[in-house]
Amino acid sequence: MEPYRLQLKVRDYECDMQGIVNNSVYQNFLEHARHEFLIAKNMNFAEITRLGIHLVVTRVEIDYLKPLVSGDEFYVTARCERKGRLRFVFHQEIYRQSDNTKMLSAIVTGTSINENGRPIKTDLLGAICE
């Protein structure tokens, strides 16, 4: 299955004094793509939360390969894989649009918890990671 793909463009304020995207901003790009991934699957993150299911990130591994700079157009990919009864893993990458150069590779692990912070099994993970 082809991974989900979201087009974005680097804005000036996302860059640090060196003129490159600040390392923390990449996590915003990744999270935005995951939320849009859910929308593409007809799921609303806020509605899922109102149902008492909290999808939370438990681990992020990022390999910064090359920097993006102001004005770069890029796309973020997202592919979900279910890991056991309680965990899911997003495999994500960021590519510069102009030459399809991979700029970043990430593995984002998460789980679903209830309002008390306890892990819960939900069929929702199957729908997200199908």
Foldseek 3Di string as FASTA:
>chain_A
DFFDKDKDFAAQVQDDPVQFGDPVVVVVQVVVSLQVLCVVLVHHQVVCVVVFKHKDWDDKDKDFDATDGHGFMKMKTWAKDADPQFKIKIWMWIAGPVPRHTGMTMIIMIGIAGPVRHGDGDCVSVSSRD
